[in-house]
């Protein structure tokens, strides 16, 4: 499983989710030879720490992760401004130089090394990789078993896989830096351009607009590769994820329980029994997942278009990271996406585990008799999904017998 987690991390290089943090990491391309390595190590450890905290539900952990996210944004913002302005960079480095003089005389190797590691660690706190099935398996296992060394090790392996893939990008950037080194003017423009991109990345991440910068195509390719990787280890999957056409929908069992949500938005708590006679679409999502943000407009459209015909859409918000547990953050996302259908806050993964779910987003289609008829994972095939909704509504309208 460690190898699979590592390979899943390597595949993130193909994901659009890496784009917002890439300029932040490229800041180290012109540094000493060890600088990119420390930055990548910081990225892997920062991601592992934050993702490990997803299994901890303590309020102070959730609040600390939210504060840490803003501190990381601030640190990376200062670093980006330092690239844009050499004078500001010199001023910013004075405390480190003073500390190096006081602690180690003229040996100033520690502050730059610490700076490189902190930059990567901060990027790791901000990086939210596209939540494919491999990461979904690791995080759902963490929620079932609680925080453990094995979970943290898997997350570290995932982060290291990403770091190895990103290392290629960093060293390519370093090669470009070395070629431009004789030309001070070109090097200065490269440094400022990197700083501008890094500052833009900080703004994009801070505003939550990263999904608008990337398209859904590469996310689908990445998901397909991860599924192929997991196909070689079927025992890791508790449930197969079948595909079906609208003309042939199999009975996959009774709708699992919706009990366990810590809070409901836009509705009083709902139970499976309350939904008998309705066609139900259960959408597992989390607000900082780019794949989910791509699919939400379609789900929202279906909820509005077919409500009068008997469709009930239920969003199950199962958090990927600690800051996604905060109800106020989810409420803002619900308002931002103009969601009016019921949303269950599944902070303890109770509904997720009842459905044996493993993916964000995942759409479960349930007929009027309360039977699960189809499961669609990831983005895409929106016309096919809508056809399934229409077929189930048509079955509902037919007289019994």
Protein backbone atom coordinates (compact mmCIF):
# COMPACT_ATOMS: atom_id res chain seq x y z
CA UNK A 1 0.00 0.00 0.00
CA UNK A 2 2.96 2.32 0.61
CA UNK A 3 4.02 1.84 -3.02
CA UNK A 4 0.50 2.56 -4.27
CA UNK A 5 0.32 5.71 -2.13
CA UNK A 6 3.71 6.81 -3.50
CA UNK A 7 2.65 6.20 -7.12
CA UNK A 8 -0.62 8.04 -6.48
CA UNK A 9 1.43 11.02 -5.35
CA UNK A 10 3.59 10.84 -8.48
CA UNK A 11 0.44 11.05 -10.62
CA UNK A 12 -0.40 14.46 -9.12
CA UNK A 13 2.04 16.00 -11.61
CA UNK A 14 -0.67 15.30 -14.25
CA UNK A 15 -3.31 17.02 -12.14
CA UNK A 16 -4.38 20.67 -12.57
CA UNK A 17 -4.55 20.95 -8.78
CA UNK A 18 -0.76 21.33 -8.65
CA UNK A 19 -0.82 24.55 -10.70
CA UNK A 20 -1.53 27.00 -7.83
CA UNK A 21 1.49 25.87 -5.76
CA UNK A 22 3.92 25.33 -8.64
CA UNK A 23 5.05 29.01 -8.81
CA UNK A 24 5.63 28.94 -5.05
CA UNK A 25 7.99 25.98 -5.40
CA UNK A 26 9.78 27.40 -8.45
CA UNK A 27 11.04 30.21 -6.21
CA UNK A 28 13.83 27.84 -5.09
CA UNK A 29 15.07 27.09 -8.62
CA UNK A 30 17.86 29.63 -8.43
CA UNK A 31 19.13 28.70 -4.97
CA UNK A 32 21.90 26.31 -3.89
CA UNK A 33 21.78 22.70 -5.04
CA UNK A 34 20.33 21.49 -1.73
CA UNK A 35 17.61 24.15 -1.65
CA UNK A 36 15.06 22.42 -3.94
CA UNK A 37 15.51 19.15 -2.04
CA UNK A 38 14.71 20.80 1.29
CA UNK A 39 11.74 22.58 -0.27
CA UNK A 40 10.34 19.30 -1.59
CA UNK A 41 10.92 17.62 1.79
CA UNK A 42 9.02 20.48 3.40
CA UNK A 43 6.14 20.04 0.93
CA UNK A 44 5.82 16.32 1.70
CA UNK A 45 5.97 16.82 5.47
CA UNK A 46 3.56 19.78 5.43
CA UNK A 47 0.98 17.83 3.44
CA UNK A 48 1.38 14.75 5.67
CA UNK A 49 0.91 16.81 8.84
CA UNK A 50 -2.21 18.59 7.58
CA UNK A 51 -3.82 15.48 6.10
CA UNK A 52 -3.08 13.49 9.28
CA UNK A 53 -5.02 16.09 11.26
CA UNK A 54 -8.07 15.30 9.12
CA UNK A 55 -8.58 12.25 11.34
CA UNK A 56 -8.65 14.39 14.48
CA UNK A 57 -11.97 16.02 15.30
CA UNK A 58 -10.86 18.14 18.27
CA UNK A 59 -12.01 21.74 17.93
CA UNK A 60 -8.56 23.13 18.72
CA UNK A 61 -7.02 21.07 15.90
CA UNK A 62 -9.57 22.40 13.41
CA UNK A 63 -8.99 25.99 14.52
CA UNK A 64 -5.21 25.55 14.52
CA UNK A 65 -5.25 24.21 10.97
CA UNK A 66 -7.30 27.22 9.84
CA UNK A 67 -4.83 29.61 11.49
CA UNK A 68 -1.91 27.65 10.05
CA UNK A 69 -3.38 28.01 6.57
CA UNK A 70 -3.47 31.79 6.85
CA UNK A 71 0.04 31.89 8.32
CA UNK A 72 1.26 29.80 5.38
CA UNK A 73 -0.40 32.20 2.94
CA UNK A 74 1.30 35.10 4.70
CA UNK A 75 4.72 33.42 4.62
CA UNK A 76 4.45 32.63 0.91
CA UNK A 77 3.15 36.12 0.19
CA UNK A 78 6.19 37.68 1.88
CA UNK A 79 8.47 35.35 -0.05
CA UNK A 80 6.83 36.36 -3.34
CA UNK A 81 7.17 40.09 -2.57
CA UNK A 82 10.84 39.50 -1.71
CA UNK A 83 11.36 38.15 -5.23
CA UNK A 84 9.65 41.18 -6.73
CA UNK A 85 11.63 43.67 -4.64
CA UNK A 86 15.33 43.00 -3.86
CA UNK A 87 15.27 45.80 -1.26
CA UNK A 88 12.38 44.15 0.59
CA UNK A 89 14.14 40.79 0.32
CA UNK A 90 17.27 42.22 1.93
CA UNK A 91 15.21 43.74 4.74
CA UNK A 92 13.34 40.46 5.25
CA UNK A 93 16.59 38.48 5.51
CA UNK A 94 18.12 40.68 8.23
CA UNK A 95 16.56 38.82 11.20
CA UNK A 96 17.87 35.51 9.85
CA UNK A 97 21.32 36.96 9.29
CA UNK A 98 21.34 38.39 12.83
CA UNK A 99 20.22 35.06 14.28
CA UNK A 100 22.88 33.24 12.28
CA UNK A 101 25.57 35.59 13.58
CA UNK A 102 24.44 35.19 17.18
CA UNK A 103 24.11 31.40 17.13
CA UNK A 104 26.75 30.26 14.69
CA UNK A 105 29.12 33.13 14.14
CA UNK A 106 29.65 33.46 10.41
CA UNK A 107 28.02 30.09 9.60
CA UNK A 108 24.83 31.27 7.97
CA UNK A 109 23.92 27.98 6.29
CA UNK A 110 21.11 27.18 8.74
CA UNK A 111 18.76 30.13 8.05
CA UNK A 112 18.64 29.62 4.24
CA UNK A 113 18.15 25.89 4.77
CA UNK A 114 15.37 26.51 7.24
CA UNK A 115 13.86 29.06 4.88
CA UNK A 116 13.82 26.53 2.01
CA UNK A 117 12.18 23.88 4.20
CA UNK A 118 9.61 26.34 5.58
CA UNK A 119 8.66 27.43 2.07
CA UNK A 120 7.94 23.83 1.10
CA UNK A 121 6.13 23.16 4.39
CA UNK A 122 3.90 26.20 3.83
CA UNK A 123 3.14 25.06 0.28
CA UNK A 124 2.25 21.63 1.69
CA UNK A 125 -0.25 23.24 4.08
CA UNK A 126 -1.93 25.03 1.17
CA UNK A 127 -1.80 22.26 -1.40
CA UNK A 128 -5.11 20.40 -1.77
CA UNK A 129 -4.46 17.66 -4.36
CA UNK A 130 -7.33 16.44 -6.51
CA UNK A 131 -8.99 13.85 -4.32
CA UNK A 132 -8.64 10.69 -6.37
CA UNK A 133 -9.49 7.17 -5.17
CA UNK A 134 -6.04 6.54 -3.67
CA UNK A 135 -6.15 9.57 -1.40
CA UNK A 136 -9.80 8.81 -0.68
CA UNK A 137 -8.90 5.31 0.51
CA UNK A 138 -6.15 6.62 2.79
CA UNK A 139 -8.28 9.35 4.36
CA UNK A 140 -11.37 7.19 4.83
CA UNK A 141 -9.18 4.57 6.50
CA UNK A 142 -7.80 7.27 8.77
CA UNK A 143 -11.30 8.29 9.81
CA UNK A 144 -12.22 4.67 10.57
CA UNK A 145 -9.09 3.88 12.60
CA UNK A 146 -8.31 7.32 13.98
CA UNK A 147 -4.88 8.99 13.91
CA UNK A 148 -2.07 6.44 13.65
CA UNK A 149 1.54 6.14 12.59
CA UNK A 150 0.55 3.91 9.65
CA UNK A 151 -1.88 6.52 8.32
CA UNK A 152 0.73 9.28 8.61
CA UNK A 153 3.25 7.02 6.86
CA UNK A 154 0.86 6.47 3.95
CA UNK A 155 0.22 10.19 3.68
CA UNK A 156 3.96 10.88 3.82
CA UNK A 157 4.48 8.34 1.01
CA UNK A 158 1.80 10.12 -1.03
CA UNK A 159 3.48 13.47 -0.36
CA UNK A 160 6.93 12.09 -1.22
CA UNK A 161 5.58 10.75 -4.51
CA UNK A 162 4.32 14.23 -5.32
CA UNK A 163 7.66 15.71 -4.25
CA UNK A 164 9.58 13.40 -6.59
CA UNK A 165 7.35 14.38 -9.52
CA UNK A 166 7.64 18.06 -8.66
CA UNK A 167 11.40 17.67 -8.35
CA UNK A 168 11.55 17.24 -12.11
CA UNK A 169 9.81 20.60 -12.57
CA UNK A 170 12.10 22.26 -10.03
CA UNK A 171 15.29 20.99 -11.63
CA UNK A 172 14.06 21.99 -15.08
CA UNK A 173 13.55 25.46 -13.67
CA UNK A 174 17.04 25.33 -12.19
CA UNK A 175 18.49 24.44 -15.59
CA UNK A 176 16.79 27.48 -17.11
CA UNK A 177 18.18 29.62 -14.29
CA UNK A 178 21.74 28.42 -14.97
CA UNK A 179 21.42 29.15 -18.69
CA UNK A 180 20.24 32.69 -18.02
CA UNK A 181 22.81 33.35 -15.31
CA UNK A 182 25.31 35.14 -17.61
CA UNK A 183 22.56 37.57 -18.59
CA UNK A 184 21.77 39.54 -15.44
CA UNK A 185 18.91 41.40 -17.10
CA UNK A 186 17.12 38.24 -18.19
CA UNK A 187 17.76 36.68 -14.79
CA UNK A 188 16.23 39.69 -13.06
CA UNK A 189 13.10 39.46 -15.20
CA UNK A 190 12.87 35.72 -14.51
CA UNK A 191 13.12 36.35 -10.77
CA UNK A 192 10.45 39.04 -10.86
CA UNK A 193 8.21 36.95 -13.10
CA UNK A 194 8.44 34.04 -10.68
CA UNK A 195 7.63 36.40 -7.82
CA UNK A 196 4.59 37.76 -9.66
CA UNK A 197 3.31 34.24 -10.40
CA UNK A 198 3.89 33.22 -6.78
CA UNK A 199 2.00 36.27 -5.51
CA UNK A 200 -0.84 35.50 -7.93
CA UNK A 201 -0.91 31.91 -6.64
CA UNK A 202 -1.24 33.17 -3.05
CA UNK A 203 -4.18 35.37 -4.07
CA UNK A 204 -5.83 32.54 -6.02
CA UNK A 205 -5.48 30.04 -3.15
CA UNK A 206 -6.60 32.58 -0.57
CA UNK A 207 -9.69 33.53 -2.57
CA UNK A 208 -10.65 29.92 -3.32
CA UNK A 209 -10.68 30.62 -7.06
CA UNK A 210 -8.19 27.92 -8.07
CA UNK A 211 -10.91 25.80 -9.71
CA UNK A 212 -11.57 28.53 -12.26
CA UNK A 213 -7.97 28.30 -13.53
CA UNK A 214 -8.06 24.63 -14.45
CA UNK A 215 -10.28 22.57 -16.69
CA UNK A 216 -11.85 19.22 -15.93
CA UNK A 217 -10.11 17.22 -18.65
CA UNK A 218 -6.83 16.44 -16.90
CA UNK A 219 -8.70 15.64 -13.67
CA UNK A 220 -10.58 12.89 -15.51
CA UNK A 221 -7.35 11.51 -17.01
CA UNK A 222 -5.75 11.44 -13.57
CA UNK A 223 -8.75 9.67 -12.03
CA UNK A 224 -8.63 7.04 -14.77
CA UNK A 225 -4.94 6.37 -14.14
CA UNK A 226 -5.53 6.03 -10.40
CA UNK A 227 -8.37 3.57 -10.97
CA UNK A 228 -6.10 1.46 -13.19
CA UNK A 229 -3.47 1.51 -10.46
CA UNK A 230 -6.00 0.32 -7.88
CA UNK A 231 -7.41 -2.36 -10.19
CA UNK A 232 -4.28 -4.39 -9.46
CA UNK A 233 -5.19 -4.49 -5.76
CA UNK A 234 -8.92 -5.36 -5.66
CA UNK A 235 -8.85 -6.27 -1.97
CA UNK A 236 -8.41 -2.59 -1.17
CA UNK A 237 -11.83 -1.82 -2.61
CA UNK A 238 -14.82 -2.70 -0.45
CA UNK A 239 -17.20 -2.17 -3.32
CA UNK A 240 -16.79 -2.30 -7.07
CA UNK A 241 -17.78 0.86 -8.87
CA UNK A 242 -19.87 -0.43 -11.80
CA UNK A 243 -20.92 1.53 -14.81
CA UNK A 244 -24.32 1.27 -16.40
CA UNK A 245 -26.30 2.80 -19.20
CA UNK A 246 -29.61 4.48 -18.57
CA UNK A 247 -31.30 1.52 -20.26
CA UNK A 248 -29.89 -1.10 -17.86
CA UNK A 249 -29.67 -0.05 -14.22
CA UNK A 250 -28.90 -2.82 -11.76
CA UNK A 251 -30.23 -3.02 -8.20
CA UNK A 252 -27.23 -2.31 -5.94
CA UNK A 253 -29.07 -2.71 -2.65
CA UNK A 254 -31.08 -0.56 -0.27
CA UNK A 255 -30.14 3.06 0.29
CA UNK A 256 -27.75 3.24 3.28
CA UNK A 257 -28.49 5.35 6.34
CA UNK A 258 -28.08 9.12 6.39
CA UNK A 259 -27.57 9.13 10.17
CA UNK A 260 -24.42 10.63 11.67
CA UNK A 261 -24.26 14.15 10.23
CA UNK A 262 -23.10 16.74 12.77
CA UNK A 263 -25.33 19.38 11.15
CA UNK A 264 -27.69 19.88 8.22
CA UNK A 265 -27.82 22.98 6.03
CA UNK A 266 -30.92 24.09 4.11
CA UNK A 267 -33.03 21.38 5.75
CA UNK A 268 -33.96 19.55 8.91
CA UNK A 269 -32.18 16.17 9.30
CA UNK A 270 -33.36 13.64 6.72
CA UNK A 271 -33.59 9.86 7.01
CA UNK A 272 -33.75 7.25 4.28
CA UNK A 273 -37.34 6.43 5.22
CA UNK A 274 -38.36 10.08 4.67
CA UNK A 275 -37.35 9.81 1.02
CA UNK A 276 -39.44 6.81 -0.04
CA UNK A 277 -41.41 7.62 -3.15
CA UNK A 278 -38.77 10.11 -4.31
CA UNK A 279 -35.89 9.72 -6.72
CA UNK A 280 -32.77 10.68 -4.77
CA UNK A 281 -29.33 11.82 -5.87
CA UNK A 282 -26.74 11.71 -3.08
CA UNK A 283 -23.66 13.78 -3.95
CA UNK A 284 -20.52 13.26 -1.84
CA UNK A 285 -18.39 16.39 -2.08
CA UNK A 286 -16.07 18.72 -0.19
CA UNK A 287 -15.80 22.41 -0.91
CA UNK A 288 -12.04 22.68 -1.62
CA UNK A 289 -12.03 19.73 -4.06
CA UNK A 290 -11.55 21.05 -7.60
CA UNK A 291 -13.26 18.01 -9.14
CA UNK A 292 -16.29 18.67 -6.93
CA UNK A 293 -16.37 22.33 -7.91
CA UNK A 294 -16.48 21.31 -11.56
CA UNK A 295 -19.45 18.98 -11.03
CA UNK A 296 -21.51 21.15 -8.63
CA UNK A 297 -23.10 23.36 -11.33
CA UNK A 298 -24.57 20.28 -13.02
CA UNK A 299 -25.87 18.83 -9.74
CA UNK A 300 -27.39 22.20 -8.87
CA UNK A 301 -29.03 22.41 -12.28
CA UNK A 302 -30.58 18.95 -11.92
CA UNK A 303 -31.87 19.79 -8.44
CA UNK A 304 -33.73 22.82 -9.80
CA UNK A 305 -34.87 21.29 -13.09
CA UNK A 306 -36.39 18.07 -11.72
CA UNK A 307 -37.56 19.07 -8.23
CA UNK A 308 -41.20 19.32 -9.36
CA UNK A 309 -40.99 15.84 -10.92
CA UNK A 310 -39.91 14.13 -7.69
CA UNK A 311 -36.10 14.45 -7.57
CA UNK A 312 -34.44 15.16 -4.22
CA UNK A 313 -30.74 16.03 -4.24
CA UNK A 314 -28.78 15.63 -1.01
CA UNK A 315 -25.24 16.91 -0.71
CA UNK A 316 -23.07 15.02 1.76
CA UNK A 317 -20.12 17.24 2.63
CA UNK A 318 -17.37 14.93 3.88
CA UNK A 319 -14.23 16.98 4.68
CA UNK A 320 -10.86 16.15 3.16
CA UNK A 321 -8.90 18.58 5.38
CA UNK A 322 -9.45 19.97 8.91
CA UNK A 323 -10.48 23.47 7.83
CA UNK A 324 -13.29 21.91 5.77
CA UNK A 325 -14.87 20.73 9.04
CA UNK A 326 -15.78 24.28 10.06
CA UNK A 327 -19.54 24.71 9.44
CA UNK A 328 -19.17 28.43 8.68
CA UNK A 329 -16.73 27.63 5.86
CA UNK A 330 -19.14 25.08 4.37
CA UNK A 331 -22.02 27.56 4.69
CA UNK A 332 -20.02 30.14 2.71
CA UNK A 333 -19.33 27.56 0.00
CA UNK A 334 -23.03 26.61 -0.14
CA UNK A 335 -23.96 30.27 -0.59
CA UNK A 336 -21.19 30.86 -3.14
CA UNK A 337 -22.42 27.97 -5.31
CA UNK A 338 -26.09 28.97 -4.82
CA UNK A 339 -26.97 25.58 -3.34
CA UNK A 340 -30.49 25.34 -1.92
CA UNK A 341 -30.87 21.57 -1.59
CA UNK A 342 -30.13 19.82 1.76
CA UNK A 343 -26.47 19.43 2.71
CA UNK A 344 -25.35 17.06 5.47
CA UNK A 345 -22.07 17.87 7.24
CA UNK A 346 -20.49 14.44 7.51
CA UNK A 347 -17.49 15.44 9.65
CA UNK A 348 -17.19 11.99 11.26
CA UNK A 349 -17.41 10.08 7.92
CA UNK A 350 -20.50 8.24 9.24
CA UNK A 351 -22.52 8.60 6.02
CA UNK A 352 -19.39 8.12 3.89
CA UNK A 353 -18.72 4.76 5.56
CA UNK A 354 -22.39 3.71 5.47
CA UNK A 355 -22.25 4.08 1.67
CA UNK A 356 -18.74 2.50 1.57
CA UNK A 357 -17.78 5.53 -0.49
CA UNK A 358 -14.20 6.17 -1.60
CA UNK A 359 -14.28 9.22 -3.84
CA UNK A 360 -15.00 12.94 -4.19
CA UNK A 361 -17.28 13.60 -6.01
CA UNK A 362 -19.46 10.48 -6.02
CA UNK A 363 -23.08 10.44 -7.20
CA UNK A 364 -25.45 7.74 -5.93
CA UNK A 365 -28.76 7.44 -7.83
CA UNK A 366 -31.62 5.96 -5.76
CA UNK A 367 -35.03 5.03 -7.16
CA UNK A 368 -38.44 5.72 -5.64
CA UNK A 369 -38.39 2.34 -3.86
CA UNK A 370 -35.25 3.28 -1.95
CA UNK A 371 -32.88 1.09 -3.98
CA UNK A 372 -29.46 2.27 -5.16
CA UNK A 373 -29.48 1.88 -8.94
CA UNK A 374 -26.27 3.55 -10.11
CA UNK A 375 -22.99 5.03 -8.90
CA UNK A 376 -20.96 7.58 -10.85
CA UNK A 377 -17.55 8.65 -9.57
CA UNK A 378 -15.61 11.74 -10.57
CA UNK A 379 -16.40 14.27 -13.24
CA UNK A 380 -17.92 13.86 -16.68
CA UNK A 381 -20.71 12.00 -18.47
CA UNK A 382 -23.21 14.61 -17.33
CA UNK A 383 -25.61 13.80 -20.16
CA UNK A 384 -25.54 10.14 -19.16
CA UNK A 385 -26.18 10.99 -15.52
CA UNK A 386 -29.12 13.21 -16.45
CA UNK A 387 -30.52 10.39 -18.59
CA UNK A 388 -30.41 8.13 -15.52
CA UNK A 389 -32.34 10.73 -13.52
CA UNK A 390 -35.00 10.90 -16.24
CA UNK A 391 -35.28 7.12 -16.41
CA UNK A 392 -35.74 6.79 -12.64
CA UNK A 393 -38.33 9.57 -12.67
CA UNK A 394 -40.11 7.76 -15.51
CA UNK A 395 -40.18 4.54 -13.50
CA UNK A 396 -41.61 6.48 -10.55
CA UNK A 397 -44.43 7.84 -12.70
CA UNK A 398 -45.48 4.38 -13.90
CA UNK A 399 -48.44 2.84 -12.03
CA UNK A 400 -47.61 -0.02 -9.67
CA UNK A 401 -48.10 -3.51 -10.97
